[in-house]
């Protein structure tokens, strides 16, 4: 196996044992609390373009490629790194 066979999930895995559920582009996924949205999308097999995200670095949001709209929000915004936590 060479590096082209390895999936880069966008950020390192969370070590939390607590699980959270979220929906990304209509796809439900359950991941450990503290998982980045980028990693959750990859685990749900939702393709998300990425420039600044890699498993070898913590997310820092420098590329400004990620935009999002939270439920009920009027506008989309550039997305700073976000990790999911239980409500």
C-alpha atoms as a PDB file:
ATOM      1  CA  UNK A   1       0.000   0.000   0.000  1.00  0.00           C
ATOM      2  CA  UNK A   2       1.313   3.469  -0.826  1.00  0.00           C
ATOM      3  CA  UNK A   3       0.105   6.910   0.271  1.00  0.00           C
ATOM      4  CA  UNK A   4      -2.476   7.058  -2.540  1.00  0.00           C
ATOM      5  CA  UNK A   5      -4.333   4.162  -0.906  1.00  0.00           C
ATOM      6  CA  UNK A   6      -4.731   5.915   2.456  1.00  0.00           C
ATOM      7  CA  UNK A   7      -7.892   7.943   3.103  1.00  0.00           C
ATOM      8  CA  UNK A   8      -7.233  11.357   4.661  1.00  0.00           C
ATOM      9  CA  UNK A   9     -10.278  12.168   6.792  1.00  0.00           C
ATOM     10  CA  UNK A  10      -9.394  15.858   7.106  1.00  0.00           C
ATOM     11  CA  UNK A  11      -8.520  15.999  10.794  1.00  0.00           C
ATOM     12  CA  UNK A  12      -7.291  13.591  13.465  1.00  0.00           C
ATOM     13  CA  UNK A  13      -9.857  11.283  15.056  1.00  0.00           C
ATOM     14  CA  UNK A  14     -11.519  12.290  18.322  1.00  0.00           C
ATOM     15  CA  UNK A  15     -10.692  10.102  21.307  1.00  0.00           C
ATOM     16  CA  UNK A  16     -14.051  10.723  23.004  1.00  0.00           C
ATOM     17  CA  UNK A  17     -16.232   7.764  23.943  1.00  0.00           C
ATOM     18  CA  UNK A  18     -19.375   9.946  23.903  1.00  0.00           C
ATOM     19  CA  UNK A  19     -21.213   9.855  20.564  1.00  0.00           C
ATOM     20  CA  UNK A  20     -23.124  12.658  18.806  1.00  0.00           C
ATOM     21  CA  UNK A  21     -25.374  12.530  15.737  1.00  0.00           C
ATOM     22  CA  UNK A  22     -25.599  15.130  13.006  1.00  0.00           C
ATOM     23  CA  UNK A  23     -26.832  15.493   9.439  1.00  0.00           C
ATOM     24  CA  UNK A  24     -24.619  16.626   6.569  1.00  0.00           C
ATOM     25  CA  UNK A  25     -26.306  17.297   3.214  1.00  0.00           C
ATOM     26  CA  UNK A  26     -29.195  15.031   4.233  1.00  0.00           C
ATOM     27  CA  UNK A  27     -26.931  12.166   5.371  1.00  0.00           C
ATOM     28  CA  UNK A  28     -27.090  11.201   9.054  1.00  0.00           C
ATOM     29  CA  UNK A  29     -23.849  10.249  10.774  1.00  0.00           C
ATOM     30  CA  UNK A  30     -22.940   9.405  14.374  1.00  0.00           C
ATOM     31  CA  UNK A  31     -19.395  10.220  15.460  1.00  0.00           C
ATOM     32  CA  UNK A  32     -17.436  10.670  18.698  1.00  0.00           C
ATOM     33  CA  UNK A  33     -17.957  14.064  20.388  1.00  0.00           C
ATOM     34  CA  UNK A  34     -15.240  16.481  19.293  1.00  0.00           C
ATOM     35  CA  UNK A  35     -15.071  15.115  15.739  1.00  0.00           C
ATOM     36  CA  UNK A  36     -14.582  17.816  13.113  1.00  0.00           C
ATOM     37  CA  UNK A  37     -17.325  18.414  10.564  1.00  0.00           C
ATOM     38  CA  UNK A  38     -14.791  17.554   7.836  1.00  0.00           C
ATOM     39  CA  UNK A  39     -14.044  14.149   9.375  1.00  0.00           C
ATOM     40  CA  UNK A  40     -17.752  13.455  10.028  1.00  0.00           C
ATOM     41  CA  UNK A  41     -18.500  14.200   6.355  1.00  0.00           C
ATOM     42  CA  UNK A  42     -15.772  11.820   5.202  1.00  0.00           C
ATOM     43  CA  UNK A  43     -17.064   9.107   7.542  1.00  0.00           C
ATOM     44  CA  UNK A  44     -20.560   9.621   6.058  1.00  0.00           C
ATOM     45  CA  UNK A  45     -19.039   9.389   2.547  1.00  0.00           C
ATOM     46  CA  UNK A  46     -20.071  12.984   1.797  1.00  0.00           C
ATOM     47  CA  UNK A  47     -17.476  14.573  -0.463  1.00  0.00           C
ATOM     48  CA  UNK A  48     -16.215  17.922   0.820  1.00  0.00           C
ATOM     49  CA  UNK A  49     -13.443  19.831  -0.994  1.00  0.00           C
ATOM     50  CA  UNK A  50     -10.538  20.544   1.319  1.00  0.00           C
ATOM     51  CA  UNK A  51      -7.360  22.556   1.150  1.00  0.00           C
ATOM     52  CA  UNK A  52      -6.382  23.179   4.770  1.00  0.00           C
ATOM     53  CA  UNK A  53      -7.584  19.907   6.287  1.00  0.00           C
ATOM     54  CA  UNK A  54      -5.417  16.852   6.796  1.00  0.00           C
ATOM     55  CA  UNK A  55      -5.156  14.076   9.367  1.00  0.00           C
ATOM     56  CA  UNK A  56      -1.657  15.264  10.230  1.00  0.00           C
ATOM     57  CA  UNK A  57      -2.804  18.706  11.505  1.00  0.00           C
ATOM     58  CA  UNK A  58      -5.479  20.039  13.817  1.00  0.00           C
ATOM     59  CA  UNK A  59      -7.975  22.135  11.848  1.00  0.00           C
ATOM     60  CA  UNK A  60      -7.251  25.856  11.747  1.00  0.00           C
ATOM     61  CA  UNK A  61      -9.542  27.202   8.980  1.00  0.00           C
ATOM     62  CA  UNK A  62      -6.988  29.074   6.915  1.00  0.00           C
ATOM     63  CA  UNK A  63      -8.269  28.294   3.415  1.00  0.00           C
ATOM     64  CA  UNK A  64     -11.796  29.783   3.838  1.00  0.00           C
ATOM     65  CA  UNK A  65     -13.120  27.131   1.454  1.00  0.00           C
ATOM     66  CA  UNK A  66     -15.726  25.843   3.934  1.00  0.00           C
ATOM     67  CA  UNK A  67     -19.025  27.734   4.177  1.00  0.00           C
ATOM     68  CA  UNK A  68     -22.088  26.696   6.129  1.00  0.00           C
ATOM     69  CA  UNK A  69     -25.608  27.667   7.132  1.00  0.00           C
ATOM     70  CA  UNK A  70     -26.969  26.515  10.455  1.00  0.00           C
ATOM     71  CA  UNK A  71     -30.596  25.512  10.712  1.00  0.00           C
ATOM     72  CA  UNK A  72     -32.734  28.649  10.871  1.00  0.00           C
ATOM     73  CA  UNK A  73     -29.901  31.056   9.948  1.00  0.00           C
ATOM     74  CA  UNK A  74     -30.553  33.622   7.223  1.00  0.00           C
ATOM     75  CA  UNK A  75     -27.042  33.710   5.769  1.00  0.00           C
ATOM     76  CA  UNK A  76     -24.149  31.394   5.044  1.00  0.00           C
ATOM     77  CA  UNK A  77     -20.821  32.161   6.680  1.00  0.00           C
ATOM     78  CA  UNK A  78     -17.219  31.094   6.298  1.00  0.00           C
ATOM     79  CA  UNK A  79     -16.698  28.211   8.671  1.00  0.00           C
ATOM     80  CA  UNK A  80     -14.074  28.354  11.347  1.00  0.00           C
ATOM     81  CA  UNK A  81     -13.003  24.928  12.573  1.00  0.00           C
ATOM     82  CA  UNK A  82     -15.834  23.372  14.536  1.00  0.00           C
ATOM     83  CA  UNK A  83     -16.071  20.253  16.598  1.00  0.00           C
ATOM     84  CA  UNK A  84     -19.398  18.663  17.506  1.00  0.00           C
ATOM     85  CA  UNK A  85     -20.362  18.460  21.147  1.00  0.00           C
ATOM     86  CA  UNK A  86     -23.480  16.996  22.727  1.00  0.00           C
ATOM     87  CA  UNK A  87     -26.292  19.515  23.253  1.00  0.00           C
END
